[in-house]
Amino acid sequence: MGLFDMFKSAAPKLNPRVALAAGLLYMMASDGQIGEEEIGQLQSVVGGDRALLEDGIKYIRAVSFDQYLQDAPGVLDDAQRLCLLVNACDSLLSDGTAAPQEQAMFGKLLAAMGFSEERFTPYFQTIAVKNNRTVFGR
């Protein structure tokens, strides 16, 4: 309905930094719950850049995840794709569990970025060890 178009916020132009923030936000929101660990991990990645965080939020509100999966690989080089995947996986595992929705979404992200599960396994294992704080007891 054209009357309400003025209330829609346009998506910011997708660039590597917005792609990183948006990718993490999509992952965080995939299970319908955003935990404190996920927020902390996001803040550490964006480095307190409030403008970047706002651009990421505007982007995910305006653009579907499927469209993001089509567009993001074109603005990221190989190192940026790996960085996005490592940080997304870290966010996914930061609360100690990965819900089925999060796992499915990460699988799509992995494929879109041109990584197989086999190629990503060493990174996954390292992140899983990093986030397994149960080794220190409760």
C-alpha atoms as a PDB file:
ATOM      1  CA  MET A   1       0.000   0.000   0.000  1.00  0.00           C
ATOM      2  CA  GLY A   2       1.635   3.207  -1.201  1.00  0.00           C
ATOM      3  CA  LEU A   3       0.363   5.303   1.685  1.00  0.00           C
ATOM      4  CA  PHE A   4       2.696   3.605   4.113  1.00  0.00           C
ATOM      5  CA  ASP A   5       5.820   3.548   1.946  1.00  0.00           C
ATOM      6  CA  MET A   6       7.220   6.604   3.720  1.00  0.00           C
ATOM      7  CA  PHE A   7       7.527   4.521   6.911  1.00  0.00           C
ATOM      8  CA  LYS A   8       9.711   1.901   5.265  1.00  0.00           C
ATOM      9  CA  SER A   9      13.387   2.374   5.806  1.00  0.00           C
ATOM     10  CA  ALA A  10      15.548   1.754   2.802  1.00  0.00           C
ATOM     11  CA  ALA A  11      18.233  -0.849   3.180  1.00  0.00           C
ATOM     12  CA  PRO A  12      21.723   0.600   3.367  1.00  0.00           C
ATOM     13  CA  LYS A  13      24.065  -0.286   0.527  1.00  0.00           C
ATOM     14  CA  LEU A  14      25.581  -3.686   1.137  1.00  0.00           C
ATOM     15  CA  ASN A  15      29.331  -3.476   1.635  1.00  0.00           C
ATOM     16  CA  PRO A  16      31.670  -5.842   3.502  1.00  0.00           C
ATOM     17  CA  ARG A  17      31.112  -4.239   6.916  1.00  0.00           C
ATOM     18  CA  VAL A  18      27.319  -4.154   6.562  1.00  0.00           C
ATOM     19  CA  ALA A  19      27.417  -7.739   5.258  1.00  0.00           C
ATOM     20  CA  LEU A  20      29.248  -8.803   8.425  1.00  0.00           C
ATOM     21  CA  ALA A  21      26.872  -7.010  10.790  1.00  0.00           C
ATOM     22  CA  ALA A  22      23.767  -8.149   8.916  1.00  0.00           C
ATOM     23  CA  GLY A  23      24.982 -11.744   8.697  1.00  0.00           C
ATOM     24  CA  LEU A  24      25.503 -11.877  12.445  1.00  0.00           C
ATOM     25  CA  LEU A  25      22.122 -10.257  13.093  1.00  0.00           C
ATOM     26  CA  TYR A  26      20.348 -12.767  10.844  1.00  0.00           C
ATOM     27  CA  MET A  27      22.022 -15.606  12.755  1.00  0.00           C
ATOM     28  CA  MET A  28      21.181 -14.111  16.137  1.00  0.00           C
ATOM     29  CA  ALA A  29      17.511 -13.680  15.247  1.00  0.00           C
ATOM     30  CA  SER A  30      17.100 -17.077  13.586  1.00  0.00           C
ATOM     31  CA  ASP A  31      15.839 -18.886  16.684  1.00  0.00           C
ATOM     32  CA  GLY A  32      13.584 -16.029  17.813  1.00  0.00           C
ATOM     33  CA  GLN A  33      15.704 -15.350  20.892  1.00  0.00           C
ATOM     34  CA  ILE A  34      18.723 -13.102  21.229  1.00  0.00           C
ATOM     35  CA  GLY A  35      20.793 -14.051  24.247  1.00  0.00           C
ATOM     36  CA  GLU A  36      23.215 -11.913  26.200  1.00  0.00           C
ATOM     37  CA  GLU A  37      26.121 -13.988  24.917  1.00  0.00           C
ATOM     38  CA  GLU A  38      25.083 -13.301  21.324  1.00  0.00           C
ATOM     39  CA  ILE A  39      24.769  -9.565  21.970  1.00  0.00           C
ATOM     40  CA  GLY A  40      28.189  -9.510  23.609  1.00  0.00           C
ATOM     41  CA  GLN A  41      29.720 -11.393  20.709  1.00  0.00           C
ATOM     42  CA  LEU A  42      28.118  -9.010  18.200  1.00  0.00           C
ATOM     43  CA  GLN A  43      29.404  -5.979  20.093  1.00  0.00           C
ATOM     44  CA  SER A  44      32.917  -7.392  20.155  1.00  0.00           C
ATOM     45  CA  VAL A  45      32.816  -7.920  16.384  1.00  0.00           C
ATOM     46  CA  VAL A  46      31.421  -4.521  15.398  1.00  0.00           C
ATOM     47  CA  GLY A  47      33.699  -2.838  17.928  1.00  0.00           C
ATOM     48  CA  GLY A  48      31.074  -0.557  19.381  1.00  0.00           C
ATOM     49  CA  ASP A  49      30.377   0.975  15.947  1.00  0.00           C
ATOM     50  CA  ARG A  50      26.795   2.079  16.572  1.00  0.00           C
ATOM     51  CA  ALA A  51      26.302   3.346  12.998  1.00  0.00           C
ATOM     52  CA  LEU A  52      27.348  -0.046  11.617  1.00  0.00           C
ATOM     53  CA  LEU A  53      24.998  -1.833  13.998  1.00  0.00           C
ATOM     54  CA  GLU A  54      22.129   0.450  12.954  1.00  0.00           C
ATOM     55  CA  ASP A  55      22.913  -0.159   9.267  1.00  0.00           C
ATOM     56  CA  GLY A  56      22.885  -3.906   9.916  1.00  0.00           C
ATOM     57  CA  ILE A  57      19.511  -3.679  11.649  1.00  0.00           C
ATOM     58  CA  LYS A  58      18.057  -1.553   8.839  1.00  0.00           C
ATOM     59  CA  TYR A  59      19.406  -4.022   6.307  1.00  0.00           C
ATOM     60  CA  ILE A  60      17.882  -7.131   7.887  1.00  0.00           C
ATOM     61  CA  ARG A  61      14.532  -5.367   8.294  1.00  0.00           C
ATOM     62  CA  ALA A  62      14.434  -4.470   4.604  1.00  0.00           C
ATOM     63  CA  VAL A  63      16.076  -7.490   2.937  1.00  0.00           C
ATOM     64  CA  SER A  64      15.194 -11.169   3.254  1.00  0.00           C
ATOM     65  CA  PHE A  65      17.858 -13.630   4.336  1.00  0.00           C
ATOM     66  CA  ASP A  66      17.582 -15.396   0.980  1.00  0.00           C
ATOM     67  CA  GLN A  67      18.304 -12.139  -0.854  1.00  0.00           C
ATOM     68  CA  TYR A  68      21.215 -11.486   1.487  1.00  0.00           C
ATOM     69  CA  LEU A  69      22.608 -14.929   0.621  1.00  0.00           C
ATOM     70  CA  GLN A  70      22.532 -13.972  -3.057  1.00  0.00           C
ATOM     71  CA  ASP A  71      24.058 -10.514  -2.592  1.00  0.00           C
ATOM     72  CA  ALA A  72      26.648 -10.871   0.178  1.00  0.00           C
ATOM     73  CA  PRO A  73      29.115 -13.197  -1.596  1.00  0.00           C
ATOM     74  CA  GLY A  74      29.488 -10.605  -4.347  1.00  0.00           C
ATOM     75  CA  VAL A  75      30.731  -7.919  -1.952  1.00  0.00           C
ATOM     76  CA  LEU A  76      33.033 -10.149   0.119  1.00  0.00           C
ATOM     77  CA  ASP A  77      36.433 -11.553  -0.759  1.00  0.00           C
ATOM     78  CA  ASP A  78      37.537 -15.004   0.448  1.00  0.00           C
ATOM     79  CA  ALA A  79      39.070 -13.758   3.705  1.00  0.00           C
ATOM     80  CA  GLN A  80      35.943 -11.726   4.497  1.00  0.00           C
ATOM     81  CA  ARG A  81      33.697 -14.729   3.786  1.00  0.00           C
ATOM     82  CA  LEU A  82      35.701 -16.876   6.190  1.00  0.00           C
ATOM     83  CA  CYS A  83      35.687 -14.115   8.808  1.00  0.00           C
ATOM     84  CA  LEU A  84      31.895 -13.832   8.492  1.00  0.00           C
ATOM     85  CA  LEU A  85      31.453 -17.593   8.818  1.00  0.00           C
ATOM     86  CA  VAL A  86      33.747 -17.889  11.844  1.00  0.00           C
ATOM     87  CA  ASN A  87      32.007 -15.011  13.601  1.00  0.00           C
ATOM     88  CA  ALA A  88      28.530 -16.309  12.686  1.00  0.00           C
ATOM     89  CA  CYS A  89      29.422 -19.757  14.010  1.00  0.00           C
ATOM     90  CA  ASP A  90      30.865 -18.206  17.164  1.00  0.00           C
ATOM     91  CA  SER A  91      27.630 -16.274  17.647  1.00  0.00           C
ATOM     92  CA  LEU A  92      25.591 -19.407  17.022  1.00  0.00           C
ATOM     93  CA  LEU A  93      27.519 -21.367  19.655  1.00  0.00           C
ATOM     94  CA  SER A  94      28.019 -18.510  22.126  1.00  0.00           C
ATOM     95  CA  ASP A  95      25.042 -19.539  24.255  1.00  0.00           C
ATOM     96  CA  GLY A  96      26.173 -23.162  24.379  1.00  0.00           C
ATOM     97  CA  THR A  97      23.539 -24.584  22.042  1.00  0.00           C
ATOM     98  CA  ALA A  98      22.618 -24.322  18.395  1.00  0.00           C
ATOM     99  CA  ALA A  99      18.881 -24.529  17.777  1.00  0.00           C
ATOM    100  CA  PRO A 100      17.741 -26.412  14.652  1.00  0.00           C
ATOM    101  CA  GLN A 101      16.736 -23.109  13.002  1.00  0.00           C
ATOM    102  CA  GLU A 102      20.209 -21.694  13.661  1.00  0.00           C
ATOM    103  CA  GLN A 103      21.858 -24.815  12.272  1.00  0.00           C
ATOM    104  CA  ALA A 104      19.740 -24.673   9.109  1.00  0.00           C
ATOM    105  CA  MET A 105      20.431 -20.980   8.607  1.00  0.00           C
ATOM    106  CA  PHE A 106      24.159 -21.479   9.132  1.00  0.00           C
ATOM    107  CA  GLY A 107      24.140 -24.303   6.587  1.00  0.00           C
ATOM    108  CA  LYS A 108      22.639 -21.931   4.020  1.00  0.00           C
ATOM    109  CA  LEU A 109      25.204 -19.261   4.879  1.00  0.00           C
ATOM    110  CA  LEU A 110      28.025 -21.775   4.598  1.00  0.00           C
ATOM    111  CA  ALA A 111      26.886 -22.882   1.150  1.00  0.00           C
ATOM    112  CA  ALA A 112      26.321 -19.325  -0.074  1.00  0.00           C
ATOM    113  CA  MET A 113      29.851 -18.382   0.968  1.00  0.00           C
ATOM    114  CA  GLY A 114      31.263 -21.323  -0.980  1.00  0.00           C
ATOM    115  CA  PHE A 115      32.328 -23.486   1.951  1.00  0.00           C
ATOM    116  CA  SER A 116      31.577 -27.160   2.459  1.00  0.00           C
ATOM    117  CA  GLU A 117      31.037 -28.586   5.924  1.00  0.00           C
ATOM    118  CA  GLU A 118      34.269 -30.524   5.473  1.00  0.00           C
ATOM    119  CA  ARG A 119      36.268 -27.378   4.701  1.00  0.00           C
ATOM    120  CA  PHE A 120      34.752 -25.529   7.673  1.00  0.00           C
ATOM    121  CA  THR A 121      35.107 -28.410  10.188  1.00  0.00           C
ATOM    122  CA  PRO A 122      38.485 -27.332  11.665  1.00  0.00           C
ATOM    123  CA  TYR A 123      37.112 -23.841  12.373  1.00  0.00           C
ATOM    124  CA  PHE A 124      33.924 -25.292  13.845  1.00  0.00           C
ATOM    125  CA  GLN A 125      35.853 -27.591  16.164  1.00  0.00           C
ATOM    126  CA  THR A 126      37.999 -24.732  17.423  1.00  0.00           C
ATOM    127  CA  ILE A 127      34.967 -22.529  18.084  1.00  0.00           C
ATOM    128  CA  ALA A 128      33.182 -25.389  19.854  1.00  0.00           C
ATOM    129  CA  VAL A 129      36.169 -25.878  22.170  1.00  0.00           C
ATOM    130  CA  LYS A 130      36.381 -22.118  22.796  1.00  0.00           C
ATOM    131  CA  ASN A 131      32.726 -21.947  23.818  1.00  0.00           C
ATOM    132  CA  ASN A 132      32.687 -25.119  25.937  1.00  0.00           C
ATOM    133  CA  ARG A 133      33.031 -23.501  29.333  1.00  0.00           C
ATOM    134  CA  THR A 134      31.642 -26.623  31.037  1.00  0.00           C
ATOM    135  CA  VAL A 135      35.223 -27.931  31.176  1.00  0.00           C
ATOM    136  CA  PHE A 136      35.686 -25.511  34.084  1.00  0.00           C
ATOM    137  CA  GLY A 137      32.693 -26.856  35.980  1.00  0.00           C
ATOM    138  CA  ARG A 138      29.461 -25.146  36.799  1.00  0.00           C
END
